[in-house]
PDB file of N, CA and C in Angstrom:
ATOM      1  N   MET A   1      -7.226 -97.268  12.212  1.00  0.00           N
ATOM      2  CA  MET A   1      -6.548 -98.271  11.412  1.00  0.00           C
ATOM      3  C   MET A   1      -6.276 -97.703  10.028  1.00  0.00           C
ATOM      4  N   SER A   2      -5.085 -97.884   9.534  1.00  0.00           N
ATOM      5  CA  SER A   2      -4.756 -97.420   8.197  1.00  0.00           C
ATOM      6  C   SER A   2      -4.479 -98.619   7.303  1.00  0.00           C
ATOM      7  N   ALA A   3      -4.640 -98.397   6.025  1.00  0.00           N
ATOM      8  CA  ALA A   3      -4.387 -99.457   5.052  1.00  0.00           C
ATOM      9  C   ALA A   3      -3.675 -98.849   3.853  1.00  0.00           C
ATOM     10  N   THR A   4      -2.837 -99.636   3.255  1.00  0.00           N
ATOM     11  CA  THR A   4      -2.139 -99.224   2.044  1.00  0.00           C
ATOM     12  C   THR A   4      -2.452-100.237   0.962  1.00  0.00           C
ATOM     13  N   ARG A   5      -2.830 -99.730  -0.196  1.00  0.00           N
ATOM     14  CA  ARG A   5      -3.125-100.602  -1.335  1.00  0.00           C
ATOM     15  C   ARG A   5      -2.183-100.251  -2.477  1.00  0.00           C
ATOM     16  N   ILE A   6      -1.609-101.261  -3.057  1.00  0.00           N
ATOM     17  CA  ILE A   6      -0.807-101.107  -4.265  1.00  0.00           C
ATOM     18  C   ILE A   6      -1.627-101.681  -5.407  1.00  0.00           C
ATOM     19  N   VAL A   7      -1.772-100.893  -6.461  1.00  0.00           N
ATOM     20  CA  VAL A   7      -2.636-101.290  -7.569  1.00  0.00           C
ATOM     21  C   VAL A   7      -1.838-101.331  -8.871  1.00  0.00           C
ATOM     22  N   ILE A   8      -1.976-102.423  -9.580  1.00  0.00           N
ATOM     23  CA  ILE A   8      -1.484-102.563 -10.949  1.00  0.00           C
ATOM     24  C   ILE A   8      -2.737-102.631 -11.804  1.00  0.00           C
ATOM     25  N   GLU A   9      -2.954-101.615 -12.608  1.00  0.00           N
ATOM     26  CA  GLU A   9      -4.222-101.503 -13.336  1.00  0.00           C
ATOM     27  C   GLU A   9      -4.047-101.796 -14.823  1.00  0.00           C
ATOM     28  N   ASP A  10      -4.900-102.692 -15.318  1.00  0.00           N
ATOM     29  CA  ASP A  10      -4.942-103.048 -16.742  1.00  0.00           C
ATOM     30  C   ASP A  10      -3.596-103.505 -17.285  1.00  0.00           C
ATOM     31  N   LEU A  11      -2.948-104.397 -16.548  1.00  0.00           N
ATOM     32  CA  LEU A  11      -1.719-105.022 -17.022  1.00  0.00           C
ATOM     33  C   LEU A  11      -2.086-105.957 -18.169  1.00  0.00           C
ATOM     34  N   GLU A  12      -1.522-105.703 -19.346  1.00  0.00           N
ATOM     35  CA  GLU A  12      -1.838-106.540 -20.504  1.00  0.00           C
ATOM     36  C   GLU A  12      -0.853-107.695 -20.584  1.00  0.00           C
ATOM     37  N   VAL A  13      -1.413-108.908 -20.670  1.00  0.00           N
ATOM     38  CA  VAL A  13      -0.596-110.107 -20.828  1.00  0.00           C
ATOM     39  C   VAL A  13      -1.129-110.903 -22.019  1.00  0.00           C
ATOM     40  N   ALA A  14      -0.244-111.619 -22.669  1.00  0.00           N
ATOM     41  CA  ALA A  14      -0.632-112.530 -23.739  1.00  0.00           C
ATOM     42  C   ALA A  14      -0.814-113.903 -23.103  1.00  0.00           C
ATOM     43  N   ALA A  15      -1.965-114.509 -23.338  1.00  0.00           N
ATOM     44  CA  ALA A  15      -2.284-115.751 -22.641  1.00  0.00           C
ATOM     45  C   ALA A  15      -2.836-116.799 -23.593  1.00  0.00           C
ATOM     46  N   HIS A  16      -2.522-118.038 -23.283  1.00  0.00           N
ATOM     47  CA  HIS A  16      -3.165-119.170 -23.940  1.00  0.00           C
ATOM     48  C   HIS A  16      -4.287-119.576 -22.998  1.00  0.00           C
ATOM     49  N   VAL A  17      -5.498-119.125 -23.289  1.00  0.00           N
ATOM     50  CA  VAL A  17      -6.616-119.342 -22.378  1.00  0.00           C
ATOM     51  C   VAL A  17      -7.872-119.655 -23.179  1.00  0.00           C
ATOM     52  N   GLY A  18      -8.648-120.607 -22.670  1.00  0.00           N
ATOM     53  CA  GLY A  18      -9.918-120.936 -23.304  1.00  0.00           C
ATOM     54  C   GLY A  18     -10.340-122.343 -22.948  1.00  0.00           C
ATOM     55  N   VAL A  19     -11.623-122.577 -23.030  1.00  0.00           N
ATOM     56  CA  VAL A  19     -12.173-123.881 -22.676  1.00  0.00           C
ATOM     57  C   VAL A  19     -11.766-124.928 -23.706  1.00  0.00           C
ATOM     58  N   THR A  20     -11.740-124.554 -24.985  1.00  0.00           N
ATOM     59  CA  THR A  20     -11.395-125.520 -26.022  1.00  0.00           C
ATOM     60  C   THR A  20      -9.902-125.432 -26.364  1.00  0.00           C
ATOM     61  N   GLU A  21      -9.373-126.558 -26.855  1.00  0.00           N
ATOM     62  CA  GLU A  21      -7.973-126.596 -27.286  1.00  0.00           C
ATOM     63  C   GLU A  21      -7.741-125.586 -28.403  1.00  0.00           C
ATOM     64  N   ARG A  22      -8.691-125.462 -29.301  1.00  0.00           N
ATOM     65  CA  ARG A  22      -8.573-124.509 -30.412  1.00  0.00           C
ATOM     66  C   ARG A  22      -8.421-123.080 -29.895  1.00  0.00           C
ATOM     67  N   GLU A  23      -9.164-122.755 -28.861  1.00  0.00           N
ATOM     68  CA  GLU A  23      -9.095-121.415 -28.279  1.00  0.00           C
ATOM     69  C   GLU A  23      -7.733-121.161 -27.630  1.00  0.00           C
ATOM     70  N   ARG A  24      -7.132-122.220 -27.084  1.00  0.00           N
ATOM     71  CA  ARG A  24      -5.842-122.095 -26.401  1.00  0.00           C
ATOM     72  C   ARG A  24      -4.646-122.145 -27.349  1.00  0.00           C
ATOM     73  N   GLU A  25      -4.876-122.453 -28.624  1.00  0.00           N
ATOM     74  CA  GLU A  25      -3.775-122.582 -29.581  1.00  0.00           C
ATOM     75  C   GLU A  25      -2.995-121.291 -29.766  1.00  0.00           C
ATOM     76  N   SER A  26      -3.693-120.174 -29.847  1.00  0.00           N
ATOM     77  CA  SER A  26      -2.994-118.910 -30.076  1.00  0.00           C
ATOM     78  C   SER A  26      -3.180-117.987 -28.879  1.00  0.00           C
ATOM     79  N   GLU A  27      -2.229-117.080 -28.737  1.00  0.00           N
ATOM     80  CA  GLU A  27      -2.283-116.140 -27.621  1.00  0.00           C
ATOM     81  C   GLU A  27      -3.448-115.173 -27.786  1.00  0.00           C
ATOM     82  N   GLN A  28      -4.034-114.825 -26.649  1.00  0.00           N
ATOM     83  CA  GLN A  28      -5.101-113.840 -26.588  1.00  0.00           C
ATOM     84  C   GLN A  28      -4.733-112.810 -25.526  1.00  0.00           C
ATOM     85  N   PRO A  29      -5.095-111.562 -25.736  1.00  0.00           N
ATOM     86  CA  PRO A  29      -4.789-110.565 -24.706  1.00  0.00           C
ATOM     87  C   PRO A  29      -5.757-110.685 -23.525  1.00  0.00           C
ATOM     88  N   LEU A  30      -5.205-110.530 -22.347  1.00  0.00           N
ATOM     89  CA  LEU A  30      -5.998-110.390 -21.127  1.00  0.00           C
ATOM     90  C   LEU A  30      -5.565-109.099 -20.458  1.00  0.00           C
ATOM     91  N   LEU A  31      -6.481-108.469 -19.749  1.00  0.00           N
ATOM     92  CA  LEU A  31      -6.170-107.284 -18.950  1.00  0.00           C
ATOM     93  C   LEU A  31      -6.395-107.635 -17.493  1.00  0.00           C
ATOM     94  N   LEU A  32      -5.372-107.407 -16.671  1.00  0.00           N
ATOM     95  CA  LEU A  32      -5.452-107.736 -15.253  1.00  0.00           C
ATOM     96  C   LEU A  32      -5.331-106.475 -14.416  1.00  0.00           C
ATOM     97  N   THR A  33      -6.180-106.392 -13.412  1.00  0.00           N
ATOM     98  CA  THR A  33      -6.033-105.378 -12.385  1.00  0.00           C
ATOM     99  C   THR A  33      -5.819-106.109 -11.071  1.00  0.00           C
ATOM    100  N   VAL A  34      -4.724-105.769 -10.406  1.00  0.00           N
ATOM    101  CA  VAL A  34      -4.334-106.417  -9.157  1.00  0.00           C
ATOM    102  C   VAL A  34      -4.227-105.336  -8.095  1.00  0.00           C
ATOM    103  N   SER A  35      -4.980-105.498  -7.014  1.00  0.00           N
ATOM    104  CA  SER A  35      -4.956-104.535  -5.914  1.00  0.00           C
ATOM    105  C   SER A  35      -4.591-105.284  -4.634  1.00  0.00           C
ATOM    106  N   MET A  36      -3.410-104.958  -4.099  1.00  0.00           N
ATOM    107  CA  MET A  36      -2.896-105.654  -2.915  1.00  0.00           C
ATOM    108  C   MET A  36      -2.957-104.744  -1.692  1.00  0.00           C
ATOM    109  N   THR A  37      -3.585-105.222  -0.642  1.00  0.00           N
ATOM    110  CA  THR A  37      -3.524-104.529   0.645  1.00  0.00           C
ATOM    111  C   THR A  37      -2.288-105.047   1.346  1.00  0.00           C
ATOM    112  N   ILE A  38      -1.421-104.103   1.732  1.00  0.00           N
ATOM    113  CA  ILE A  38      -0.113-104.507   2.258  1.00  0.00           C
ATOM    114  C   ILE A  38       0.137-103.910   3.637  1.00  0.00           C
ATOM    115  N   ASP A  39       1.098-104.519   4.314  1.00  0.00           N
ATOM    116  CA  ASP A  39       1.651-103.958   5.547  1.00  0.00           C
ATOM    117  C   ASP A  39       2.814-103.066   5.143  1.00  0.00           C
ATOM    118  N   LEU A  40       2.553-101.788   5.009  1.00  0.00           N
ATOM    119  CA  LEU A  40       3.598-100.836   4.659  1.00  0.00           C
ATOM    120  C   LEU A  40       4.379-100.492   5.919  1.00  0.00           C
ATOM    121  N   ASP A  41       5.681-100.577   5.841  1.00  0.00           N
ATOM    122  CA  ASP A  41       6.538-100.170   6.960  1.00  0.00           C
ATOM    123  C   ASP A  41       6.730 -98.660   6.845  1.00  0.00           C
ATOM    124  N   ASP A  42       5.791 -97.906   7.430  1.00  0.00           N
ATOM    125  CA  ASP A  42       5.797 -96.447   7.309  1.00  0.00           C
ATOM    126  C   ASP A  42       7.138 -95.835   7.721  1.00  0.00           C
ATOM    127  N   ASP A  43       7.661 -96.274   8.860  1.00  0.00           N
ATOM    128  CA  ASP A  43       8.909 -95.695   9.362  1.00  0.00           C
ATOM    129  C   ASP A  43      10.060 -95.917   8.392  1.00  0.00           C
ATOM    130  N   ALA A  44      10.185 -97.143   7.889  1.00  0.00           N
ATOM    131  CA  ALA A  44      11.279 -97.449   6.963  1.00  0.00           C
ATOM    132  C   ALA A  44      11.125 -96.679   5.659  1.00  0.00           C
ATOM    133  N   VAL A  45       9.903 -96.591   5.161  1.00  0.00           N
ATOM    134  CA  VAL A  45       9.676 -95.881   3.901  1.00  0.00           C
ATOM    135  C   VAL A  45       9.956 -94.392   4.078  1.00  0.00           C
ATOM    136  N   LEU A  46       9.486 -93.824   5.174  1.00  0.00           N
ATOM    137  CA  LEU A  46       9.721 -92.401   5.416  1.00  0.00           C
ATOM    138  C   LEU A  46      11.192 -92.105   5.689  1.00  0.00           C
ATOM    139  N   ARG A  47      11.844 -93.000   6.419  1.00  0.00           N
ATOM    140  CA  ARG A  47      13.242 -92.784   6.772  1.00  0.00           C
ATOM    141  C   ARG A  47      14.169 -92.979   5.574  1.00  0.00           C
ATOM    142  N   ASP A  48      13.970 -94.078   4.824  1.00  0.00           N
ATOM    143  CA  ASP A  48      14.928 -94.467   3.788  1.00  0.00           C
ATOM    144  C   ASP A  48      14.429 -94.236   2.367  1.00  0.00           C
ATOM    145  N   ASP A  49      13.122 -93.989   2.219  1.00  0.00           N
ATOM    146  CA  ASP A  49      12.536 -93.868   0.880  1.00  0.00           C
ATOM    147  C   ASP A  49      12.961 -95.075   0.037  1.00  0.00           C
ATOM    148  N   SER A  50      12.831 -96.274   0.644  1.00  0.00           N
ATOM    149  CA  SER A  50      13.355 -97.507   0.058  1.00  0.00           C
ATOM    150  C   SER A  50      12.225 -98.483  -0.242  1.00  0.00           C
ATOM    151  N   ILE A  51      12.415 -99.266  -1.292  1.00  0.00           N
ATOM    152  CA  ILE A  51      11.453-100.290  -1.689  1.00  0.00           C
ATOM    153  C   ILE A  51      11.357-101.412  -0.652  1.00  0.00           C
ATOM    154  N   ALA A  52      12.331-101.507   0.230  1.00  0.00           N
ATOM    155  CA  ALA A  52      12.359-102.586   1.222  1.00  0.00           C
ATOM    156  C   ALA A  52      11.166-102.557   2.172  1.00  0.00           C
ATOM    157  N   GLY A  53      10.540-101.405   2.355  1.00  0.00           N
ATOM    158  CA  GLY A  53       9.422-101.299   3.283  1.00  0.00           C
ATOM    159  C   GLY A  53       8.064-101.510   2.647  1.00  0.00           C
ATOM    160  N   THR A  54       8.056-101.933   1.379  1.00  0.00           N
ATOM    161  CA  THR A  54       6.792-102.060   0.663  1.00  0.00           C
ATOM    162  C   THR A  54       6.837-103.298  -0.229  1.00  0.00           C
ATOM    163  N   VAL A  55       5.980-103.355  -1.234  1.00  0.00           N
ATOM    164  CA  VAL A  55       5.976-104.433  -2.217  1.00  0.00           C
ATOM    165  C   VAL A  55       6.348-103.819  -3.563  1.00  0.00           C
ATOM    166  N   ASP A  56       7.295-104.415  -4.240  1.00  0.00           N
ATOM    167  CA  ASP A  56       7.775-103.917  -5.527  1.00  0.00           C
ATOM    168  C   ASP A  56       6.786-104.321  -6.625  1.00  0.00           C
ATOM    169  N   TYR A  57       5.953-103.387  -7.051  1.00  0.00           N
ATOM    170  CA  TYR A  57       4.927-103.706  -8.050  1.00  0.00           C
ATOM    171  C   TYR A  57       5.522-104.080  -9.401  1.00  0.00           C
ATOM    172  N   SER A  58       6.712-103.596  -9.693  1.00  0.00           N
ATOM    173  CA  SER A  58       7.378-103.962 -10.940  1.00  0.00           C
ATOM    174  C   SER A  58       7.730-105.450 -10.949  1.00  0.00           C
ATOM    175  N   THR A  59       8.229-105.943  -9.839  1.00  0.00           N
ATOM    176  CA  THR A  59       8.548-107.368  -9.720  1.00  0.00           C
ATOM    177  C   THR A  59       7.284-108.204  -9.819  1.00  0.00           C
ATOM    178  N   VAL A  60       6.224-107.781  -9.157  1.00  0.00           N
ATOM    179  CA  VAL A  60       4.956-108.510  -9.219  1.00  0.00           C
ATOM    180  C   VAL A  60       4.472-108.586 -10.668  1.00  0.00           C
ATOM    181  N   ALA A  61       4.503-107.477 -11.379  1.00  0.00           N
ATOM    182  CA  ALA A  61       4.046-107.444 -12.776  1.00  0.00           C
ATOM    183  C   ALA A  61       4.883-108.386 -13.644  1.00  0.00           C
ATOM    184  N   ARG A  62       6.199-108.386 -13.452  1.00  0.00           N
ATOM    185  CA  ARG A  62       7.071-109.287 -14.233  1.00  0.00           C
ATOM    186  C   ARG A  62       6.745-110.753 -13.940  1.00  0.00           C
ATOM    187  N   GLU A  63       6.518-111.077 -12.679  1.00  0.00           N
ATOM    188  CA  GLU A  63       6.210-112.459 -12.313  1.00  0.00           C
ATOM    189  C   GLU A  63       4.868-112.900 -12.887  1.00  0.00           C
ATOM    190  N   ILE A  64       3.908-112.001 -12.905  1.00  0.00           N
ATOM    191  CA  ILE A  64       2.612-112.315 -13.519  1.00  0.00           C
ATOM    192  C   ILE A  64       2.809-112.579 -15.014  1.00  0.00           C
ATOM    193  N   GLY A  65       3.559-111.718 -15.684  1.00  0.00           N
ATOM    194  CA  GLY A  65       3.827-111.906 -17.106  1.00  0.00           C
ATOM    195  C   GLY A  65       4.514-113.233 -17.383  1.00  0.00           C
ATOM    196  N   ARG A  66       5.487-113.575 -16.546  1.00  0.00           N
ATOM    197  CA  ARG A  66       6.197-114.847 -16.694  1.00  0.00           C
ATOM    198  C   ARG A  66       5.239-116.026 -16.518  1.00  0.00           C
ATOM    199  N   MET A  67       4.339-115.925 -15.546  1.00  0.00           N
ATOM    200  CA  MET A  67       3.382-116.998 -15.298  1.00  0.00           C
ATOM    201  C   MET A  67       2.520-117.245 -16.535  1.00  0.00           C
ATOM    202  N   PHE A  68       2.041-116.164 -17.153  1.00  0.00           N
ATOM    203  CA  PHE A  68       1.194-116.323 -18.336  1.00  0.00           C
ATOM    204  C   PHE A  68       1.987-116.817 -19.533  1.00  0.00           C
ATOM    205  N   ALA A  69       3.265-116.525 -19.593  1.00  0.00           N
ATOM    206  CA  ALA A  69       4.110-117.014 -20.689  1.00  0.00           C
ATOM    207  C   ALA A  69       4.351-118.519 -20.562  1.00  0.00           C
ATOM    208  N   GLU A  70       4.346-119.022 -19.330  1.00  0.00           N
ATOM    209  CA  GLU A  70       4.695-120.421 -19.080  1.00  0.00           C
ATOM    210  C   GLU A  70       3.496-121.349 -18.926  1.00  0.00           C
ATOM    211  N   GLU A  71       2.324-120.819 -18.621  1.00  0.00           N
ATOM    212  CA  GLU A  71       1.174-121.670 -18.314  1.00  0.00           C
ATOM    213  C   GLU A  71       0.027-121.445 -19.296  1.00  0.00           C
ATOM    214  N   ARG A  72      -0.830-122.450 -19.396  1.00  0.00           N
ATOM    215  CA  ARG A  72      -2.066-122.367 -20.174  1.00  0.00           C
ATOM    216  C   ARG A  72      -3.232-122.567 -19.214  1.00  0.00           C
ATOM    217  N   PHE A  73      -4.320-121.885 -19.508  1.00  0.00           N
ATOM    218  CA  PHE A  73      -5.486-121.949 -18.635  1.00  0.00           C
ATOM    219  C   PHE A  73      -6.738-122.224 -19.453  1.00  0.00           C
ATOM    220  N   ARG A  74      -7.618-123.020 -18.921  1.00  0.00           N
ATOM    221  CA  ARG A  74      -8.942-123.189 -19.528  1.00  0.00           C
ATOM    222  C   ARG A  74      -9.844-122.026 -19.110  1.00  0.00           C
ATOM    223  N   LEU A  75      -9.742-121.641 -17.861  1.00  0.00           N
ATOM    224  CA  LEU A  75     -10.665-120.647 -17.298  1.00  0.00           C
ATOM    225  C   LEU A  75      -9.921-119.397 -16.840  1.00  0.00           C
ATOM    226  N   ILE A  76     -10.548-118.245 -17.040  1.00  0.00           N
ATOM    227  CA  ILE A  76      -9.962-117.024 -16.487  1.00  0.00           C
ATOM    228  C   ILE A  76     -10.080-117.032 -14.965  1.00  0.00           C
ATOM    229  N   GLU A  77     -11.005-117.809 -14.434  1.00  0.00           N
ATOM    230  CA  GLU A  77     -11.113-117.959 -12.985  1.00  0.00           C
ATOM    231  C   GLU A  77      -9.839-118.596 -12.419  1.00  0.00           C
ATOM    232  N   THR A  78      -9.342-119.623 -13.107  1.00  0.00           N
ATOM    233  CA  THR A  78      -8.104-120.278 -12.683  1.00  0.00           C
ATOM    234  C   THR A  78      -6.942-119.296 -12.734  1.00  0.00           C
ATOM    235  N   ALA A  79      -6.880-118.520 -13.802  1.00  0.00           N
ATOM    236  CA  ALA A  79      -5.815-117.524 -13.940  1.00  0.00           C
ATOM    237  C   ALA A  79      -5.872-116.518 -12.797  1.00  0.00           C
ATOM    238  N   ALA A  80      -7.060-116.038 -12.461  1.00  0.00           N
ATOM    239  CA  ALA A  80      -7.209-115.059 -11.380  1.00  0.00           C
ATOM    240  C   ALA A  80      -6.769-115.652 -10.038  1.00  0.00           C
ATOM    241  N   LEU A  81      -7.123-116.894  -9.794  1.00  0.00           N
ATOM    242  CA  LEU A  81      -6.720-117.539  -8.543  1.00  0.00           C
ATOM    243  C   LEU A  81      -5.207-117.729  -8.470  1.00  0.00           C
ATOM    244  N   ARG A  82      -4.579-118.100  -9.587  1.00  0.00           N
ATOM    245  CA  ARG A  82      -3.119-118.254  -9.608  1.00  0.00           C
ATOM    246  C   ARG A  82      -2.428-116.917  -9.336  1.00  0.00           C
ATOM    247  N   VAL A  83      -2.948-115.831  -9.924  1.00  0.00           N
ATOM    248  CA  VAL A  83      -2.374-114.511  -9.671  1.00  0.00           C
ATOM    249  C   VAL A  83      -2.540-114.145  -8.200  1.00  0.00           C
ATOM    250  N   SER A  84      -3.694-114.433  -7.627  1.00  0.00           N
ATOM    251  CA  SER A  84      -3.906-114.091  -6.216  1.00  0.00           C
ATOM    252  C   SER A  84      -2.924-114.851  -5.323  1.00  0.00           C
ATOM    253  N   ARG A  85      -2.665-116.100  -5.621  1.00  0.00           N
ATOM    254  CA  ARG A  85      -1.704-116.877  -4.815  1.00  0.00           C
ATOM    255  C   ARG A  85      -0.289-116.352  -4.974  1.00  0.00           C
ATOM    256  N   LEU A  86       0.055-115.975  -6.199  1.00  0.00           N
ATOM    257  CA  LEU A  86       1.379-115.397  -6.441  1.00  0.00           C
ATOM    258  C   LEU A  86       1.582-114.152  -5.571  1.00  0.00           C
ATOM    259  N   CYS A  87       0.568-113.313  -5.495  1.00  0.00           N
ATOM    260  CA  CYS A  87       0.669-112.085  -4.687  1.00  0.00           C
ATOM    261  C   CYS A  87       0.741-112.391  -3.200  1.00  0.00           C
ATOM    262  N   LEU A  88      -0.051-113.350  -2.749  1.00  0.00           N
ATOM    263  CA  LEU A  88      -0.085-113.674  -1.323  1.00  0.00           C
ATOM    264  C   LEU A  88       1.175-114.381  -0.841  1.00  0.00           C
ATOM    265  N   GLU A  89       2.042-114.801  -1.765  1.00  0.00           N
ATOM    266  CA  GLU A  89       3.331-115.383  -1.363  1.00  0.00           C
ATOM    267  C   GLU A  89       4.232-114.334  -0.713  1.00  0.00           C
ATOM    268  N   ARG A  90       3.957-113.056  -0.957  1.00  0.00           N
ATOM    269  CA  ARG A  90       4.755-111.977  -0.367  1.00  0.00           C
ATOM    270  C   ARG A  90       4.287-111.728   1.061  1.00  0.00           C
ATOM    271  N   SER A  91       5.240-111.661   1.964  1.00  0.00           N
ATOM    272  CA  SER A  91       4.891-111.551   3.381  1.00  0.00           C
ATOM    273  C   SER A  91       4.140-110.262   3.705  1.00  0.00           C
ATOM    274  N   ARG A  92       4.360-109.202   2.981  1.00  0.00           N
ATOM    275  CA  ARG A  92       3.688-107.929   3.272  1.00  0.00           C
ATOM    276  C   ARG A  92       2.254-107.871   2.744  1.00  0.00           C
ATOM    277  N   VAL A  93       1.877-108.765   1.834  1.00  0.00           N
ATOM    278  CA  VAL A  93       0.536-108.732   1.237  1.00  0.00           C
ATOM    279  C   VAL A  93      -0.442-109.445   2.171  1.00  0.00           C
ATOM    280  N   ARG A  94      -1.465-108.700   2.596  1.00  0.00           N
ATOM    281  CA  ARG A  94      -2.487-109.260   3.495  1.00  0.00           C
ATOM    282  C   ARG A  94      -3.696-109.753   2.732  1.00  0.00           C
ATOM    283  N   SER A  95      -4.065-109.047   1.672  1.00  0.00           N
ATOM    284  CA  SER A  95      -5.187-109.479   0.838  1.00  0.00           C
ATOM    285  C   SER A  95      -4.959-108.955  -0.573  1.00  0.00           C
ATOM    286  N   VAL A  96      -5.692-109.553  -1.505  1.00  0.00           N
ATOM    287  CA  VAL A  96      -5.528-109.163  -2.901  1.00  0.00           C
ATOM    288  C   VAL A  96      -6.860-109.291  -3.628  1.00  0.00           C
ATOM    289  N   ASP A  97      -7.123-108.335  -4.483  1.00  0.00           N
ATOM    290  CA  ASP A  97      -8.259-108.372  -5.403  1.00  0.00           C
ATOM    291  C   ASP A  97      -7.673-108.482  -6.800  1.00  0.00           C
ATOM    292  N   VAL A  98      -8.161-109.443  -7.566  1.00  0.00           N
ATOM    293  CA  VAL A  98      -7.674-109.646  -8.930  1.00  0.00           C
ATOM    294  C   VAL A  98      -8.866-109.659  -9.875  1.00  0.00           C
ATOM    295  N   THR A  99      -8.793-108.818 -10.897  1.00  0.00           N
ATOM    296  CA  THR A  99      -9.783-108.831 -11.970  1.00  0.00           C
ATOM    297  C   THR A  99      -9.067-109.226 -13.252  1.00  0.00           C
ATOM    298  N   VAL A 100      -9.613-110.221 -13.934  1.00  0.00           N
ATOM    299  CA  VAL A 100      -9.086-110.648 -15.227  1.00  0.00           C
ATOM    300  C   VAL A 100     -10.172-110.389 -16.257  1.00  0.00           C
ATOM    301  N   LYS A 101      -9.833-109.562 -17.248  1.00  0.00           N
ATOM    302  CA  LYS A 101     -10.751-109.247 -18.343  1.00  0.00           C
ATOM    303  C   LYS A 101     -10.270-109.939 -19.606  1.00  0.00           C
ATOM    304  N   LYS A 102     -11.213-110.541 -20.328  1.00  0.00           N
ATOM    305  CA  LYS A 102     -10.904-111.200 -21.597  1.00  0.00           C
ATOM    306  C   LYS A 102     -11.651-110.462 -22.709  1.00  0.00           C
ATOM    307  N   PRO A 103     -10.972-109.509 -23.356  1.00  0.00           N
ATOM    308  CA  PRO A 103     -11.617-108.783 -24.456  1.00  0.00           C
ATOM    309  C   PRO A 103     -12.008-109.743 -25.580  1.00  0.00           C
ATOM    310  N   ARG A 104     -13.047-109.395 -26.274  1.00  0.00           N
ATOM    311  CA  ARG A 104     -13.511-110.162 -27.441  1.00  0.00           C
ATOM    312  C   ARG A 104     -14.009-111.555 -27.084  1.00  0.00           C
ATOM    313  N   ALA A 105     -14.261-111.836 -25.818  1.00  0.00           N
ATOM    314  CA  ALA A 105     -14.763-113.151 -25.437  1.00  0.00           C
ATOM    315  C   ALA A 105     -16.229-113.314 -25.841  1.00  0.00           C
ATOM    316  N   LEU A 106     -16.946-112.207 -25.857  1.00  0.00           N
ATOM    317  CA  LEU A 106     -18.360-112.210 -26.225  1.00  0.00           C
ATOM    318  C   LEU A 106     -18.570-111.238 -27.383  1.00  0.00           C
ATOM    319  N   PRO A 107     -19.389-111.612 -28.356  1.00  0.00           N
ATOM    320  CA  PRO A 107     -19.502-110.770 -29.553  1.00  0.00           C
ATOM    321  C   PRO A 107     -20.075-109.369 -29.306  1.00  0.00           C
ATOM    322  N   PHE A 108     -20.921-109.203 -28.327  1.00  0.00           N
ATOM    323  CA  PHE A 108     -21.566-107.903 -28.146  1.00  0.00           C
ATOM    324  C   PHE A 108     -21.237-107.259 -26.801  1.00  0.00           C
ATOM    325  N   ALA A 109     -20.066-107.607 -26.278  1.00  0.00           N
ATOM    326  CA  ALA A 109     -19.620-107.028 -25.005  1.00  0.00           C
ATOM    327  C   ALA A 109     -18.152-106.649 -25.129  1.00  0.00           C
ATOM    328  N   ALA A 110     -17.751-105.667 -24.362  1.00  0.00           N
ATOM    329  CA  ALA A 110     -16.352-105.253 -24.382  1.00  0.00           C
ATOM    330  C   ALA A 110     -15.437-106.377 -23.904  1.00  0.00           C
ATOM    331  N   CYS A 111     -15.918-107.148 -22.928  1.00  0.00           N
ATOM    332  CA  CYS A 111     -15.106-108.244 -22.401  1.00  0.00           C
ATOM    333  C   CYS A 111     -15.963-109.131 -21.516  1.00  0.00           C
ATOM    334  N   ALA A 112     -15.411-110.279 -21.191  1.00  0.00           N
ATOM    335  CA  ALA A 112     -15.904-111.101 -20.085  1.00  0.00           C
ATOM    336  C   ALA A 112     -14.864-110.924 -18.986  1.00  0.00           C
ATOM    337  N   ALA A 113     -15.286-110.996 -17.736  1.00  0.00           N
ATOM    338  CA  ALA A 113     -14.328-110.756 -16.643  1.00  0.00           C
ATOM    339  C   ALA A 113     -14.691-111.595 -15.431  1.00  0.00           C
ATOM    340  N   VAL A 114     -13.685-111.793 -14.603  1.00  0.00           N
ATOM    341  CA  VAL A 114     -13.882-112.442 -13.306  1.00  0.00           C
ATOM    342  C   VAL A 114     -13.103-111.630 -12.284  1.00  0.00           C
ATOM    343  N   HIS A 115     -13.645-111.563 -11.077  1.00  0.00           N
ATOM    344  CA  HIS A 115     -13.000-110.824  -9.987  1.00  0.00           C
ATOM    345  C   HIS A 115     -12.943-111.760  -8.780  1.00  0.00           C
ATOM    346  N   VAL A 116     -11.735-111.910  -8.217  1.00  0.00           N
ATOM    347  CA  VAL A 116     -11.596-112.714  -7.005  1.00  0.00           C
ATOM    348  C   VAL A 116     -10.937-111.866  -5.920  1.00  0.00           C
ATOM    349  N   THR A 117     -11.314-112.130  -4.689  1.00  0.00           N
ATOM    350  CA  THR A 117     -10.697-111.504  -3.519  1.00  0.00           C
ATOM    351  C   THR A 117     -10.227-112.630  -2.618  1.00  0.00           C
ATOM    352  N   ARG A 118      -8.965-112.547  -2.225  1.00  0.00           N
ATOM    353  CA  ARG A 118      -8.414-113.560  -1.329  1.00  0.00           C
ATOM    354  C   ARG A 118      -7.595-112.851  -0.256  1.00  0.00           C
ATOM    355  N   ALA A 119      -7.533-113.487   0.918  1.00  0.00           N
ATOM    356  CA  ALA A 119      -6.774-112.937   2.052  1.00  0.00           C
ATOM    357  C   ALA A 119      -6.096-114.082   2.778  1.00  0.00           C
ATOM    358  N   ARG A 120      -5.121-113.692   3.585  1.00  0.00           N
ATOM    359  CA  ARG A 120      -4.428-114.690   4.413  1.00  0.00           C
ATOM    360  C   ARG A 120      -5.363-115.197   5.480  1.00  0.00           C
TER     361      ARG A 120
END
């Protein structure tokens, strides 16, 4: 059995996120890592060298950015789940791992983070 994973690592997005309204007032940076296990159409990719046989990670990244521009979240857990659902909307994506890091969330740590794994 073979598997193909497409990874978007440390995608920086500006987000209105936080438990309190005050925290959500201004944008905060989040770092997202998204790893999608996909059904790669090996024959089509080898034959045509075309994006049609895979998942366009550029489109996924743009859609994630748009989502964070349009929505506000109390929890980074909610944000991670929304990203996982966005990825699973693609027919080729079988499972997805999403890590959301919130730098400066804790005074003596590099970040707070949540990791979710979801599959069809």
